[in-house]
Amino acid sequence: MTDDLLAEPLEINDGAIRVREIAGVGAVIDADKLQKYRQD
């Protein structure tokens, strides 16, 4: 994906995604990037 919607990229090591110790699913959506794809 050339325009990632995440605030920070996922960390992939040896084919596994590193699970972050933050609330939720471990990823934060960048609201400004998401706005680009909004359809009303």
N, C-alpha and C. Protein backbone atom coordinates (compact mmCIF):
# COMPACT_ATOMS: atom_id res chain seq x y z
N MET A 1 0.86 -1.17 0.00
CA MET A 1 0.00 0.00 0.00
C MET A 1 0.90 1.23 0.00
N THR A 2 0.74 2.07 -0.96
CA THR A 2 1.64 3.22 -1.07
C THR A 2 1.23 4.38 -0.16
N ASP A 3 -0.04 4.48 0.20
CA ASP A 3 -0.51 5.54 1.08
C ASP A 3 -1.14 4.91 2.31
N ASP A 4 -0.32 4.59 3.28
CA ASP A 4 -0.77 3.89 4.48
C ASP A 4 -1.69 4.76 5.31
N LEU A 5 -2.75 4.21 5.85
CA LEU A 5 -3.70 4.95 6.68
C LEU A 5 -3.32 4.97 8.15
N LEU A 6 -2.26 4.29 8.50
CA LEU A 6 -1.87 4.22 9.90
C LEU A 6 -0.97 5.39 10.28
N ALA A 7 -1.09 5.82 11.54
CA ALA A 7 -0.24 6.90 12.04
C ALA A 7 1.22 6.45 12.10
N GLU A 8 1.43 5.17 12.41
CA GLU A 8 2.77 4.58 12.44
C GLU A 8 2.70 3.26 11.69
N PRO A 9 3.70 2.97 10.88
CA PRO A 9 3.67 1.72 10.13
C PRO A 9 3.74 0.49 11.04
N LEU A 10 3.16 -0.61 10.57
CA LEU A 10 3.26 -1.86 11.31
C LEU A 10 4.69 -2.35 11.26
N GLU A 11 5.13 -2.98 12.34
CA GLU A 11 6.47 -3.55 12.38
C GLU A 11 6.36 -5.03 12.06
N ILE A 12 7.02 -5.45 10.98
CA ILE A 12 7.00 -6.85 10.58
C ILE A 12 8.43 -7.40 10.68
N ASN A 13 8.59 -8.43 11.49
CA ASN A 13 9.89 -9.07 11.69
C ASN A 13 9.73 -10.57 11.49
N ASP A 14 10.53 -11.14 10.61
CA ASP A 14 10.50 -12.58 10.34
C ASP A 14 9.09 -13.06 9.99
N GLY A 15 8.35 -12.24 9.25
CA GLY A 15 7.01 -12.62 8.80
C GLY A 15 5.91 -12.45 9.83
N ALA A 16 6.21 -11.88 10.98
CA ALA A 16 5.21 -11.68 12.03
C ALA A 16 5.07 -10.21 12.34
N ILE A 17 3.83 -9.79 12.59
CA ILE A 17 3.57 -8.39 12.96
C ILE A 17 3.77 -8.25 14.46
N ARG A 18 4.55 -7.24 14.84
CA ARG A 18 4.77 -6.97 16.27
C ARG A 18 3.51 -6.34 16.85
N VAL A 19 2.98 -6.93 17.92
CA VAL A 19 1.79 -6.42 18.57
C VAL A 19 2.20 -5.30 19.52
N ARG A 20 1.63 -4.14 19.32
CA ARG A 20 1.96 -3.00 20.19
C ARG A 20 1.13 -3.04 21.46
N GLU A 21 1.66 -2.45 22.48
CA GLU A 21 0.96 -2.45 23.77
C GLU A 21 0.18 -1.15 23.93
N ILE A 22 -0.81 -0.97 23.05
CA ILE A 22 -1.72 0.16 23.15
C ILE A 22 -3.13 -0.39 23.13
N ALA A 23 -4.08 0.43 23.53
CA ALA A 23 -5.47 0.00 23.58
C ALA A 23 -5.99 -0.33 22.18
N GLY A 24 -6.95 -1.23 22.12
CA GLY A 24 -7.57 -1.57 20.85
C GLY A 24 -6.82 -2.65 20.10
N VAL A 25 -6.78 -2.53 18.78
CA VAL A 25 -6.18 -3.57 17.94
C VAL A 25 -4.68 -3.39 17.74
N GLY A 26 -4.10 -2.37 18.34
CA GLY A 26 -2.65 -2.16 18.24
C GLY A 26 -2.23 -1.28 17.08
N ALA A 27 -3.19 -0.59 16.48
CA ALA A 27 -2.88 0.31 15.38
C ALA A 27 -3.73 1.57 15.53
N VAL A 28 -3.17 2.71 15.13
CA VAL A 28 -3.88 3.98 15.22
C VAL A 28 -4.07 4.51 13.80
N ILE A 29 -5.32 4.79 13.45
CA ILE A 29 -5.64 5.35 12.13
C ILE A 29 -5.33 6.84 12.14
N ASP A 30 -4.66 7.31 11.11
CA ASP A 30 -4.37 8.74 10.95
C ASP A 30 -5.61 9.42 10.36
N ALA A 31 -6.29 10.24 11.15
CA ALA A 31 -7.54 10.87 10.73
C ALA A 31 -7.37 11.76 9.50
N ASP A 32 -6.24 12.43 9.39
CA ASP A 32 -6.00 13.30 8.22
C ASP A 32 -5.88 12.47 6.94
N LYS A 33 -5.19 11.35 7.01
CA LYS A 33 -5.06 10.49 5.84
C LYS A 33 -6.41 9.86 5.49
N LEU A 34 -7.17 9.48 6.51
CA LEU A 34 -8.48 8.88 6.28
C LEU A 34 -9.43 9.87 5.61
N GLN A 35 -9.32 11.13 5.96
CA GLN A 35 -10.18 12.18 5.39
C GLN A 35 -10.05 12.21 3.86
N LYS A 36 -8.90 11.90 3.35
CA LYS A 36 -8.66 11.91 1.90
C LYS A 36 -9.62 10.96 1.17
N TYR A 37 -9.99 9.85 1.83
CA TYR A 37 -10.82 8.83 1.22
C TYR A 37 -12.30 8.95 1.57
N ARG A 38 -12.67 9.97 2.29
CA ARG A 38 -14.06 10.14 2.74
C ARG A 38 -14.99 10.34 1.54
N GLN A 39 -16.12 9.69 1.60
CA GLN A 39 -17.14 9.84 0.58
C GLN A 39 -18.46 10.17 1.26
N ASP A 40 -19.04 11.27 0.89
CA ASP A 40 -20.33 11.66 1.48
C ASP A 40 -21.45 11.43 0.50
